[in-house]
Amino acid sequence: MKSYSKFGFVAAATVLAPFTAMSTEAPKVGQVEIVAELDITPGNVTASKDGRIFASVHGMRRGPIQLMEITGKNTYAAFPDAGWNGQPGSGPNVLNTPHGVLIDGKDRLWVVDHGNWMDQPQPPKLVAFDINSRQLAYRFDFDASVAPKGQILQDLAVDGERGFVYVADCGPDPAIVVVDISTGRARRFAGHRSLAADDVDLVVEGKPLLFPGADGRMLPARVGVNPITLSADGETLFFGAMNGTSWFAVPARLFREGASDSAIGMAIKRVGAKPISDGAATDAEGNHFITNLPENGIDKLTSDGRLEPLVRDERFLWADNAHFGPASWLYVAVNQLHRNPIFSGTTDAGKPPYLIARIWTGTRGQPGR
């Protein structure tokens, strides 16, 4: 097994050691620490309870591997091994376009691979790897009934205790896809207004972003359901659109018990405002931490519905996702995605280093969530 850096290969002996050494001073709420500065673009990031850090590599700016463990300030290693990080499209047991990643309480790294953004799209799948043994712990292959053509299965929330995975599809027909781990069945919930984008511009670095339409023309970006999280007790599912200003909640048991789409739709409630965002995390106290793309930061939606800034940082150029690690540390991938040609129609203006940061929230986090 090899570990990569911008200087080439480094010894694999560093791979298994958690990368946790940061500031020794008592952190303050909103304090930012840069965990990694990378020459490769992180998509989503997650951290284990013992401080190991994992990230997908964003499919809009591919690298030599698709899924990585962070091994140092500037180094990373293919995870779980070189085989799963083989050439995308080369077989059923490779990661093609992994996006959402999340570690559950059983030390399983869950990865949703939507398989798109390729010349030949690949079938989407959900996989989980034991982070200690590096062995495949679960696999689910989506069929067209739950993941139709054009899907972009990306952010996910995992209830490892009850055995359910909730995946946000921000494709042309926004939906929540729910996988029952024990039965190997899935369902798709779509068509509800809460899943759709609002008619608001996605503005980053002062510029409204565009996105290619069905006819190839560049149109104002309008992206539906994206961040998705679970409450600490697993009983409430939270979600919102990227191009959306509302944060919604629905009882998770309705999905677990197979309720009808109409019953689920009637139970969806707005719980507060949110910024235009790409990721979110929910702590054990019921607060939500949501990336704020226009303002280069993270906002906090308190458990009683107040939206307030947690941090503003000029380095946070597209804070993609957010998940808790140990204690109150909130880990965030920062990847300059708005500078990618898919949003601009021009050349890629992204400039390394791409960042993984962590922010002290001062609340009780849920590692991996």
Protein backbone atom coordinates (compact mmCIF):
# COMPACT_ATOMS: atom_id res chain seq x y z
CA MET A 1 0.00 0.00 0.00
CA LYS A 2 1.24 3.46 -0.89
CA SER A 3 0.60 6.89 0.53
CA TYR A 4 0.57 9.92 -1.73
CA SER A 5 1.82 13.46 -1.33
CA LYS A 6 2.56 16.28 -3.72
CA PHE A 7 6.15 15.04 -3.62
CA GLY A 8 5.24 11.52 -4.77
CA PHE A 9 5.07 8.47 -2.54
CA VAL A 10 5.76 8.28 1.18
CA ALA A 11 6.13 5.27 3.41
CA ALA A 12 2.92 3.45 4.29
CA ALA A 13 3.88 3.28 7.97
CA THR A 14 2.17 6.62 8.57
CA VAL A 15 -1.18 5.44 7.25
CA LEU A 16 -2.57 3.74 10.35
CA ALA A 17 -1.73 6.48 12.86
CA PRO A 18 -4.63 8.89 13.53
CA PHE A 19 -3.76 12.44 12.48
CA THR A 20 -4.97 14.33 15.54
CA ALA A 21 -2.16 16.57 16.77
CA MET A 22 -3.26 20.19 16.44
CA SER A 23 -3.22 23.18 18.80
CA THR A 24 -2.71 22.40 22.49
CA GLU A 25 -4.43 25.60 23.64
CA ALA A 26 -8.00 25.49 24.93
CA PRO A 27 -10.17 26.10 21.85
CA LYS A 28 -12.75 28.87 21.60
CA VAL A 29 -16.15 28.62 19.94
CA GLY A 30 -15.65 29.29 16.24
CA GLN A 31 -11.91 28.58 16.36
CA VAL A 32 -10.66 27.26 13.01
CA GLU A 33 -7.75 24.88 12.56
CA ILE A 34 -6.51 23.71 9.17
CA VAL A 35 -6.09 19.95 9.36
CA ALA A 36 -4.81 19.34 5.84
CA GLU A 37 -3.61 21.30 2.83
CA LEU A 38 -3.89 19.06 -0.21
CA ASP A 39 -3.01 18.98 -3.87
CA ILE A 40 -6.09 16.81 -4.42
CA THR A 41 -9.70 17.98 -4.07
CA PRO A 42 -11.67 16.60 -1.10
CA GLY A 43 -15.36 16.07 -1.73
CA ASN A 44 -16.87 15.10 1.61
CA VAL A 45 -14.96 14.48 4.83
CA THR A 46 -15.71 12.45 7.96
CA ALA A 47 -13.79 11.72 11.16
CA SER A 48 -13.88 8.74 13.49
CA LYS A 49 -14.24 8.91 17.27
CA ASP A 50 -10.48 8.38 17.61
CA GLY A 51 -9.62 11.14 15.16
CA ARG A 52 -8.91 9.32 11.90
CA ILE A 53 -9.97 11.42 8.91
CA PHE A 54 -11.35 10.15 5.61
CA ALA A 55 -12.51 11.98 2.51
CA SER A 56 -13.88 11.29 -0.94
CA VAL A 57 -12.14 12.93 -3.88
CA HIS A 58 -14.57 15.16 -5.72
CA GLY A 59 -15.70 13.76 -9.07
CA MET A 60 -15.73 17.21 -10.65
CA ARG A 61 -11.99 17.43 -10.14
CA ARG A 62 -10.67 13.88 -10.16
CA GLY A 63 -7.34 12.77 -8.78
CA PRO A 64 -5.23 9.60 -8.86
CA ILE A 65 -7.49 8.01 -6.21
CA GLN A 66 -11.17 8.30 -5.33
CA LEU A 67 -11.27 7.70 -1.55
CA MET A 68 -8.55 8.61 0.92
CA GLU A 69 -7.44 8.61 4.51
CA ILE A 70 -5.62 11.76 5.58
CA THR A 71 -2.22 10.77 6.99
CA GLY A 72 -0.57 14.15 7.54
CA LYS A 73 -0.81 17.85 6.81
CA ASN A 74 -0.01 17.27 3.13
CA THR A 75 -0.33 13.50 2.72
CA TYR A 76 -3.06 10.95 2.14
CA ALA A 77 -3.43 7.28 1.29
CA ALA A 78 -5.84 5.31 -0.85
CA PHE A 79 -8.58 3.74 1.28
CA PRO A 80 -9.40 0.93 1.77
CA ASP A 81 -6.79 -0.25 -0.76
CA ALA A 82 -5.47 0.22 -4.26
CA GLY A 83 -8.02 -2.18 -5.74
CA TRP A 84 -11.06 -0.12 -4.81
CA ASN A 85 -9.17 2.94 -6.09
CA GLY A 86 -8.54 1.43 -9.51
CA GLN A 87 -9.39 3.20 -12.74
CA PRO A 88 -13.01 4.42 -12.56
CA GLY A 89 -15.21 2.37 -14.86
CA SER A 90 -12.79 -0.57 -14.91
CA GLY A 91 -15.04 -3.02 -13.06
CA PRO A 92 -17.79 -3.51 -10.46
CA ASN A 93 -15.46 -3.39 -7.46
CA VAL A 94 -13.96 0.06 -7.93
CA LEU A 95 -15.12 3.43 -6.67
CA ASN A 96 -16.22 5.49 -9.66
CA THR A 97 -17.62 8.75 -8.27
CA PRO A 98 -17.78 8.42 -4.49
CA HIS A 99 -19.34 11.45 -2.91
CA GLY A 100 -20.96 11.29 0.53
CA VAL A 101 -18.89 9.66 3.29
CA LEU A 102 -19.81 9.08 6.92
CA ILE A 103 -18.51 6.94 9.79
CA ASP A 104 -21.11 5.31 12.03
CA GLY A 105 -20.81 4.25 15.66
CA LYS A 106 -19.56 0.81 14.61
CA ASP A 107 -16.47 2.22 12.87
CA ARG A 108 -17.88 1.58 9.41
CA LEU A 109 -17.09 4.12 6.71
CA TRP A 110 -20.19 4.49 4.53
CA VAL A 111 -19.68 5.72 0.98
CA VAL A 112 -22.30 6.52 -1.65
CA ASP A 113 -20.93 6.26 -5.21
CA HIS A 114 -23.33 7.79 -7.74
CA GLY A 115 -21.15 6.83 -10.72
CA ASN A 116 -21.89 9.94 -12.78
CA TRP A 117 -19.71 12.76 -14.16
CA MET A 118 -18.05 10.18 -16.43
CA ASP A 119 -18.09 9.65 -20.18
CA GLN A 120 -19.81 6.33 -19.44
CA PRO A 121 -21.85 6.61 -16.23
CA GLN A 122 -21.51 3.62 -13.93
CA PRO A 123 -24.19 1.95 -11.79
CA PRO A 124 -24.61 3.66 -8.40
CA LYS A 125 -23.85 1.81 -5.18
CA LEU A 126 -23.64 2.17 -1.43
CA VAL A 127 -20.70 0.51 0.32
CA ALA A 128 -19.33 0.39 3.84
CA PHE A 129 -15.80 -0.50 4.94
CA ASP A 130 -14.62 -1.43 8.41
CA ILE A 131 -12.01 1.27 9.07
CA ASN A 132 -9.88 -1.06 11.19
CA SER A 133 -9.81 -4.19 9.04
CA ARG A 134 -10.31 -2.27 5.76
CA GLN A 135 -12.68 -5.01 4.66
CA LEU A 136 -15.97 -4.49 2.84
CA ALA A 137 -18.73 -4.59 5.48
CA TYR A 138 -21.79 -3.87 3.32
CA ARG A 139 -22.81 -3.29 -0.27
CA PHE A 140 -26.05 -2.24 -1.92
CA ASP A 141 -26.43 -1.75 -5.68
CA PHE A 142 -29.17 0.71 -6.60
CA ASP A 143 -31.52 -0.11 -9.47
CA ALA A 144 -33.29 2.34 -11.76
CA SER A 145 -36.48 2.33 -9.67
CA VAL A 146 -34.75 4.16 -6.83
CA ALA A 147 -31.83 5.72 -8.72
CA PRO A 148 -33.08 6.70 -12.20
CA LYS A 149 -30.94 8.04 -15.00
CA GLY A 150 -29.48 11.42 -14.10
CA GLN A 151 -29.50 10.77 -10.35
CA ILE A 152 -26.82 12.34 -8.20
CA LEU A 153 -26.87 10.38 -4.96
CA GLN A 154 -24.56 12.37 -2.72
CA ASP A 155 -24.99 13.39 0.94
CA LEU A 156 -26.07 10.68 3.39
CA ALA A 157 -27.16 10.11 6.97
CA VAL A 158 -26.65 6.73 8.66
CA ASP A 159 -28.56 5.08 11.49
CA GLY A 160 -26.17 2.24 12.18
CA GLU A 161 -28.08 1.07 15.23
CA ARG A 162 -31.41 0.51 13.43
CA GLY A 163 -29.86 -0.30 10.10
CA PHE A 164 -31.07 2.48 7.78
CA VAL A 165 -29.19 4.79 5.42
CA TYR A 166 -30.80 7.98 4.09
CA VAL A 167 -29.35 9.41 0.87
CA ALA A 168 -30.10 12.76 -0.77
CA ASP A 169 -30.44 12.74 -4.56
CA CYS A 170 -29.89 16.28 -5.84
CA GLY A 171 -30.36 15.32 -9.49
CA PRO A 172 -33.05 16.70 -11.83
CA ASP A 173 -35.74 14.87 -9.83
CA PRO A 174 -34.70 15.58 -6.22
CA ALA A 175 -35.43 12.77 -3.79
CA ILE A 176 -34.55 11.03 -0.56
CA VAL A 177 -33.58 7.39 -1.05
CA VAL A 178 -33.73 5.13 1.99
CA VAL A 179 -31.87 1.81 2.22
CA ASP A 180 -32.92 -0.82 4.74
CA ILE A 181 -29.62 -2.54 5.49
CA SER A 182 -31.12 -5.70 6.96
CA THR A 183 -33.59 -6.45 4.17
CA GLY A 184 -31.56 -5.09 1.26
CA ARG A 185 -34.52 -3.06 0.02
CA ALA A 186 -34.71 0.62 -0.88
CA ARG A 187 -37.40 3.20 -1.55
CA ARG A 188 -37.46 6.59 -3.22
CA PHE A 189 -39.38 9.57 -1.88
CA ALA A 190 -39.73 12.33 -4.48
CA GLY A 191 -42.07 15.04 -5.70
CA HIS A 192 -42.44 16.98 -2.46
CA ARG A 193 -41.91 20.74 -2.51
CA SER A 194 -39.40 20.58 0.36
CA LEU A 195 -36.98 18.63 -1.84
CA ALA A 196 -36.87 21.23 -4.63
CA ALA A 197 -34.65 24.27 -5.01
CA ASP A 198 -35.92 27.74 -4.28
CA ASP A 199 -35.63 30.32 -7.03
CA VAL A 200 -32.60 31.96 -5.45
CA ASP A 201 -29.14 32.40 -6.91
CA LEU A 202 -26.12 30.48 -5.70
CA VAL A 203 -23.54 33.23 -5.28
CA VAL A 204 -19.91 32.55 -4.36
CA GLU A 205 -17.12 35.15 -4.45
CA GLY A 206 -19.78 37.61 -5.56
CA LYS A 207 -20.72 35.72 -8.73
CA PRO A 208 -24.01 33.89 -9.41
CA LEU A 209 -23.12 30.36 -10.50
CA LEU A 210 -24.38 28.69 -13.64
CA PHE A 211 -25.06 25.06 -14.43
CA PRO A 212 -25.51 23.31 -17.80
CA GLY A 213 -29.16 22.73 -18.69
CA ALA A 214 -30.65 19.84 -20.65
CA ASP A 215 -29.87 21.60 -23.94
CA GLY A 216 -26.28 22.38 -22.90
CA ARG A 217 -26.87 26.09 -22.26
CA MET A 218 -25.50 27.55 -19.03
CA LEU A 219 -28.41 28.50 -16.76
CA PRO A 220 -28.60 29.81 -13.18
CA ALA A 221 -27.75 26.94 -10.82
CA ARG A 222 -30.76 25.50 -9.01
CA VAL A 223 -29.88 22.44 -6.91
CA GLY A 224 -32.41 20.55 -4.81
CA VAL A 225 -32.11 18.45 -1.65
CA ASN A 226 -28.50 18.16 -0.59
CA PRO A 227 -27.51 18.29 3.08
CA ILE A 228 -29.22 15.59 5.14
CA THR A 229 -28.69 14.69 8.81
CA LEU A 230 -30.16 12.67 11.68
CA SER A 231 -30.95 13.62 15.26
CA ALA A 232 -28.89 12.00 18.00
CA ASP A 233 -31.65 9.50 18.77
CA GLY A 234 -32.13 8.65 15.09
CA GLU A 235 -35.80 9.60 15.23
CA THR A 236 -35.77 12.79 13.16
CA LEU A 237 -34.41 13.26 9.65
CA PHE A 238 -33.38 16.80 8.70
CA PHE A 239 -32.73 18.08 5.18
CA GLY A 240 -32.77 21.05 2.84
CA ALA A 241 -32.02 22.07 -0.73
CA MET A 242 -28.64 23.53 -1.69
CA ASN A 243 -30.49 26.42 -3.36
CA GLY A 244 -32.89 26.62 -0.45
CA THR A 245 -33.52 28.85 2.54
CA SER A 246 -35.49 26.38 4.69
CA TRP A 247 -34.40 23.48 6.92
CA PHE A 248 -36.96 20.69 7.20
CA ALA A 249 -37.64 17.78 9.55
CA VAL A 250 -39.62 14.54 9.24
CA PRO A 251 -40.00 11.56 11.60
CA ALA A 252 -37.54 8.89 10.45
CA ARG A 253 -39.85 6.09 11.65
CA LEU A 254 -42.17 6.84 8.73
CA PHE A 255 -39.45 5.65 6.38
CA ARG A 256 -38.51 2.74 8.63
CA GLU A 257 -42.13 1.59 8.85
CA GLY A 258 -42.90 1.98 5.14
CA ALA A 259 -45.38 4.86 5.37
CA SER A 260 -46.91 6.15 2.16
CA ASP A 261 -45.42 9.11 0.32
CA SER A 262 -48.48 11.18 1.19
CA ALA A 263 -48.12 10.41 4.91
CA ILE A 264 -44.44 11.34 4.79
CA GLY A 265 -45.19 14.54 2.90
CA MET A 266 -47.84 15.61 5.40
CA ALA A 267 -45.41 15.06 8.28
CA ILE A 268 -42.63 17.29 6.90
CA LYS A 269 -42.20 20.46 8.93
CA ARG A 270 -40.04 23.53 8.48
CA VAL A 271 -37.83 23.93 11.56
CA GLY A 272 -35.91 27.04 10.61
CA ALA A 273 -33.99 29.06 8.08
CA LYS A 274 -30.79 27.97 6.40
CA PRO A 275 -28.19 29.60 4.16
CA ILE A 276 -27.44 28.50 0.61
CA SER A 277 -25.36 25.47 1.50
CA ASP A 278 -23.70 22.24 0.48
CA GLY A 279 -23.43 20.41 3.80
CA ALA A 280 -24.73 20.17 7.35
CA ALA A 281 -24.20 18.36 10.64
CA THR A 282 -26.49 17.97 13.65
CA ASP A 283 -25.04 17.76 17.14
CA ALA A 284 -26.29 15.77 20.14
CA GLU A 285 -28.08 18.87 21.50
CA GLY A 286 -30.24 19.44 18.42
CA ASN A 287 -28.23 22.28 16.89
CA HIS A 288 -27.51 22.25 13.17
CA PHE A 289 -24.27 23.49 11.59
CA ILE A 290 -24.78 24.40 7.95
CA THR A 291 -22.19 25.55 5.44
CA ASN A 292 -22.79 29.06 4.11
CA LEU A 293 -21.49 29.24 0.54
CA PRO A 294 -22.09 32.94 -0.25
CA GLU A 295 -20.46 34.12 2.99
CA ASN A 296 -17.53 31.68 3.19
CA GLY A 297 -18.50 30.22 6.52
CA ILE A 298 -20.60 28.01 8.75
CA ASP A 299 -23.93 28.99 10.32
CA LYS A 300 -25.57 27.53 13.41
CA LEU A 301 -29.30 26.88 13.50
CA THR A 302 -30.00 26.48 17.20
CA SER A 303 -32.36 23.89 18.61
CA ASP A 304 -34.89 26.68 19.23
CA GLY A 305 -34.75 27.93 15.63
CA ARG A 306 -32.30 30.84 15.69
CA LEU A 307 -29.91 31.10 12.72
CA GLU A 308 -26.58 32.73 13.58
CA PRO A 309 -23.04 32.76 12.16
CA LEU A 310 -20.50 30.43 13.73
CA VAL A 311 -17.51 31.38 11.61
CA ARG A 312 -16.58 33.49 8.61
CA ASP A 313 -13.23 32.73 7.00
CA GLU A 314 -11.90 33.97 3.65
CA ARG A 315 -10.25 30.57 3.17
CA PHE A 316 -13.66 28.82 3.20
CA LEU A 317 -14.08 28.96 -0.57
CA TRP A 318 -16.91 26.45 -0.97
CA ALA A 319 -17.22 24.66 2.35
CA ASP A 320 -18.59 21.45 0.88
CA ASN A 321 -19.72 19.28 3.77
CA ALA A 322 -19.57 19.09 7.55
CA HIS A 323 -19.35 16.15 9.97
CA PHE A 324 -18.38 15.95 13.62
CA GLY A 325 -15.25 14.24 14.84
CA PRO A 326 -14.13 13.87 18.47
CA ALA A 327 -15.52 16.27 21.08
CA SER A 328 -16.82 19.54 19.61
CA TRP A 329 -14.70 19.54 16.45
CA LEU A 330 -16.67 19.98 13.24
CA TYR A 331 -14.71 18.83 10.18
CA VAL A 332 -15.26 20.61 6.87
CA ALA A 333 -13.97 20.01 3.33
CA VAL A 334 -13.11 23.23 1.46
CA ASN A 335 -12.65 22.62 -2.26
CA GLN A 336 -13.22 25.76 -4.40
CA LEU A 337 -15.88 23.88 -6.35
CA HIS A 338 -17.36 27.11 -7.71
CA ARG A 339 -14.16 27.61 -9.71
CA ASN A 340 -14.75 24.35 -11.59
CA PRO A 341 -15.71 24.55 -15.28
CA ILE A 342 -19.07 22.86 -14.63
CA PHE A 343 -20.19 26.06 -12.87
CA SER A 344 -18.32 28.57 -14.99
CA GLY A 345 -18.17 27.13 -18.49
CA THR A 346 -14.51 28.18 -18.66
CA THR A 347 -11.21 26.72 -17.49
CA ASP A 348 -10.70 25.41 -13.95
CA ALA A 349 -9.58 28.29 -11.74
CA GLY A 350 -9.12 26.15 -8.63
CA LYS A 351 -5.76 26.62 -6.93
CA PRO A 352 -4.23 24.18 -4.44
CA PRO A 353 -4.02 23.77 -1.57
CA TYR A 354 -7.52 22.41 -1.07
CA LEU A 355 -8.37 22.26 2.59
CA ILE A 356 -9.77 20.13 5.35
CA ALA A 357 -10.54 22.33 8.33
CA ARG A 358 -12.11 21.81 11.72
CA ILE A 359 -14.09 24.26 13.84
CA TRP A 360 -14.74 24.11 17.59
CA THR A 361 -18.51 24.42 18.12
CA GLY A 362 -18.60 24.28 21.92
CA THR A 363 -21.47 21.76 21.78
CA ARG A 364 -21.75 17.99 22.13
CA GLY A 365 -20.86 16.61 18.74
CA GLN A 366 -21.72 13.20 17.32
CA PRO A 367 -18.53 11.70 15.88
CA GLY A 368 -19.01 10.78 12.24
CA ARG A 369 -22.33 12.60 11.93
